C-alpha cells in the first residue's frame, strides 16, 4: 500500500489534470471516457514498476 501512497504523493498534481482533461474531452466525444480506465491502469503499473513494497524508489 505504501507504493501507491508514495506515487500519489509525488504525482498528486498530475491526476487532477488527467481528470479535468478527461472530462473536458469526454464532452466532445464519449470515446474519451476510455481515458479514465487507462489512467487507473497507468497509476498501478507505475507504482509496481517504480517502487518496492516499502515505498522506496527502485531506481
N, C-alpha and C. Protein backbone atom coordinates (compact mmCIF):
# COMPACT_ATOMS: atom_id res chain seq x y z
N UNK A 1 0.82 -1.19 0.00
CA UNK A 1 0.00 0.00 0.00
C UNK A 1 0.87 1.26 0.00
N UNK A 2 2.06 1.17 0.55
CA UNK A 2 2.90 2.36 0.63
C UNK A 2 3.43 2.77 -0.75
N UNK A 3 3.53 1.81 -1.67
CA UNK A 3 3.99 2.18 -3.01
C UNK A 3 2.97 3.08 -3.69
N UNK A 4 1.68 2.83 -3.45
CA UNK A 4 0.64 3.66 -4.06
C UNK A 4 0.59 5.04 -3.43
N UNK A 5 0.72 5.09 -2.12
CA UNK A 5 0.69 6.40 -1.46
C UNK A 5 1.91 7.23 -1.83
N UNK A 6 3.06 6.57 -1.99
CA UNK A 6 4.27 7.30 -2.39
C UNK A 6 4.12 7.86 -3.80
N UNK A 7 3.61 7.04 -4.71
CA UNK A 7 3.40 7.52 -6.07
C UNK A 7 2.39 8.67 -6.10
N UNK A 8 1.32 8.54 -5.32
CA UNK A 8 0.32 9.60 -5.30
C UNK A 8 0.89 10.89 -4.71
N UNK A 9 1.72 10.77 -3.68
CA UNK A 9 2.34 11.97 -3.10
C UNK A 9 3.24 12.69 -4.09
N UNK A 10 3.93 11.93 -4.94
CA UNK A 10 4.84 12.55 -5.90
C UNK A 10 4.14 13.08 -7.14
N UNK A 11 2.98 12.52 -7.46
CA UNK A 11 2.31 12.91 -8.71
C UNK A 11 0.89 13.39 -8.47
N UNK A 12 0.59 13.94 -7.30
CA UNK A 12 -0.78 14.35 -6.98
C UNK A 12 -1.30 15.39 -7.96
N UNK A 13 -0.44 16.25 -8.44
CA UNK A 13 -0.85 17.34 -9.32
C UNK A 13 -1.22 16.83 -10.71
N UNK A 14 -0.68 15.68 -11.10
CA UNK A 14 -0.92 15.15 -12.43
C UNK A 14 -2.30 14.52 -12.56
N UNK A 15 -2.79 13.87 -11.51
CA UNK A 15 -4.06 13.16 -11.58
C UNK A 15 -5.26 14.11 -11.71
N UNK A 16 -5.29 15.25 -11.02
CA UNK A 16 -6.39 16.19 -11.30
C UNK A 16 -6.37 16.73 -12.74
N UNK A 17 -5.16 16.90 -13.29
CA UNK A 17 -5.06 17.32 -14.69
C UNK A 17 -5.66 16.28 -15.62
N UNK A 18 -5.35 15.01 -15.38
CA UNK A 18 -5.94 13.94 -16.19
C UNK A 18 -7.46 13.89 -16.02
N UNK A 19 -7.93 14.11 -14.80
CA UNK A 19 -9.37 14.09 -14.54
C UNK A 19 -10.07 15.22 -15.29
N UNK A 20 -9.56 16.42 -15.17
CA UNK A 20 -10.16 17.56 -15.85
C UNK A 20 -10.05 17.42 -17.36
N UNK A 21 -8.90 16.97 -17.84
CA UNK A 21 -8.72 16.76 -19.27
C UNK A 21 -9.64 15.69 -19.81
N UNK A 22 -9.80 14.60 -19.06
CA UNK A 22 -10.69 13.53 -19.48
C UNK A 22 -12.14 13.96 -19.51
N UNK A 23 -12.55 14.73 -18.52
CA UNK A 23 -13.92 15.24 -18.50
C UNK A 23 -14.14 16.20 -19.66
N UNK A 24 -13.17 17.08 -19.88
CA UNK A 24 -13.29 18.04 -20.99
C UNK A 24 -13.36 17.36 -22.34
N UNK A 25 -12.50 16.39 -22.56
CA UNK A 25 -12.52 15.68 -23.84
C UNK A 25 -13.76 14.81 -23.99
N UNK A 26 -14.26 14.28 -22.88
CA UNK A 26 -15.46 13.43 -22.94
C UNK A 26 -16.69 14.22 -23.32
N UNK A 27 -16.66 15.52 -23.08
CA UNK A 27 -17.80 16.35 -23.51
C UNK A 27 -17.82 16.49 -25.03
N UNK A 28 -16.66 16.35 -25.65
CA UNK A 28 -16.59 16.41 -27.11
C UNK A 28 -17.00 15.09 -27.75
N UNK A 29 -16.53 14.00 -27.17
CA UNK A 29 -16.82 12.69 -27.73
C UNK A 29 -16.76 11.65 -26.61
N UNK A 30 -17.74 10.75 -26.54
CA UNK A 30 -17.73 9.76 -25.46
C UNK A 30 -16.58 8.76 -25.54
N UNK A 31 -15.90 8.69 -26.68
CA UNK A 31 -14.77 7.76 -26.79
C UNK A 31 -13.66 8.12 -25.81
N UNK A 32 -13.61 9.37 -25.40
CA UNK A 32 -12.57 9.81 -24.47
C UNK A 32 -12.83 9.37 -23.04
N UNK A 33 -13.96 8.72 -22.78
CA UNK A 33 -14.21 8.14 -21.46
C UNK A 33 -13.22 7.00 -21.17
N UNK A 34 -12.59 6.50 -22.21
CA UNK A 34 -11.60 5.44 -22.01
C UNK A 34 -10.34 5.95 -21.31
N UNK A 35 -10.19 7.26 -21.22
CA UNK A 35 -9.02 7.80 -20.53
C UNK A 35 -9.03 7.47 -19.04
N UNK A 36 -10.20 7.30 -18.45
CA UNK A 36 -10.27 7.03 -17.01
C UNK A 36 -9.75 5.64 -16.66
N UNK A 37 -10.21 4.57 -17.33
CA UNK A 37 -9.60 3.27 -17.01
C UNK A 37 -8.12 3.19 -17.37
N UNK A 38 -7.73 3.89 -18.42
CA UNK A 38 -6.32 3.90 -18.81
C UNK A 38 -5.49 4.57 -17.72
N UNK A 39 -5.96 5.68 -17.16
CA UNK A 39 -5.24 6.37 -16.10
C UNK A 39 -5.13 5.50 -14.85
N UNK A 40 -6.18 4.76 -14.54
CA UNK A 40 -6.14 3.87 -13.37
C UNK A 40 -5.08 2.79 -13.59
N UNK A 41 -5.08 2.19 -14.77
CA UNK A 41 -4.09 1.16 -15.09
C UNK A 41 -2.68 1.73 -15.01
N UNK A 42 -2.46 2.91 -15.57
CA UNK A 42 -1.12 3.52 -15.57
C UNK A 42 -0.66 3.81 -14.14
N UNK A 43 -1.56 4.27 -13.29
CA UNK A 43 -1.20 4.54 -11.90
C UNK A 43 -0.67 3.28 -11.23
N UNK A 44 -1.42 2.18 -11.33
CA UNK A 44 -0.99 0.94 -10.68
C UNK A 44 0.26 0.36 -11.32
N UNK A 45 0.37 0.48 -12.63
CA UNK A 45 1.55 -0.04 -13.32
C UNK A 45 2.81 0.69 -12.88
N UNK A 46 2.75 2.02 -12.86
CA UNK A 46 3.92 2.79 -12.43
C UNK A 46 4.25 2.52 -10.97
N UNK A 47 3.25 2.33 -10.14
CA UNK A 47 3.52 2.04 -8.73
C UNK A 47 4.27 0.73 -8.58
N UNK A 48 3.88 -0.30 -9.35
CA UNK A 48 4.57 -1.58 -9.25
C UNK A 48 5.95 -1.55 -9.90
N UNK A 49 6.12 -0.80 -10.96
CA UNK A 49 7.40 -0.76 -11.65
C UNK A 49 8.42 0.10 -10.91
N UNK A 50 8.01 1.25 -10.38
CA UNK A 50 8.96 2.22 -9.84
C UNK A 50 9.26 2.06 -8.36
N UNK A 51 8.36 1.45 -7.58
CA UNK A 51 8.53 1.40 -6.12
C UNK A 51 8.45 -0.02 -5.61
N UNK A 52 9.20 -0.28 -4.51
CA UNK A 52 9.12 -1.59 -3.88
C UNK A 52 8.00 -1.60 -2.85
N UNK A 53 7.89 -2.68 -2.07
CA UNK A 53 6.78 -2.82 -1.12
C UNK A 53 6.81 -1.79 -0.01
N UNK A 54 7.97 -1.28 0.33
CA UNK A 54 8.05 -0.29 1.40
C UNK A 54 7.93 1.14 0.88
N UNK A 55 7.74 1.31 -0.42
CA UNK A 55 7.55 2.65 -0.97
C UNK A 55 8.84 3.32 -1.39
N UNK A 56 9.95 2.59 -1.39
CA UNK A 56 11.24 3.14 -1.80
C UNK A 56 11.39 3.05 -3.31
N UNK A 57 12.02 4.05 -3.90
CA UNK A 57 12.26 4.09 -5.34
C UNK A 57 13.23 2.98 -5.73
N UNK A 58 12.88 2.20 -6.74
CA UNK A 58 13.74 1.09 -7.15
C UNK A 58 14.97 1.58 -7.91
N UNK A 59 14.80 2.62 -8.71
CA UNK A 59 15.87 3.26 -9.45
C UNK A 59 16.87 2.36 -9.95
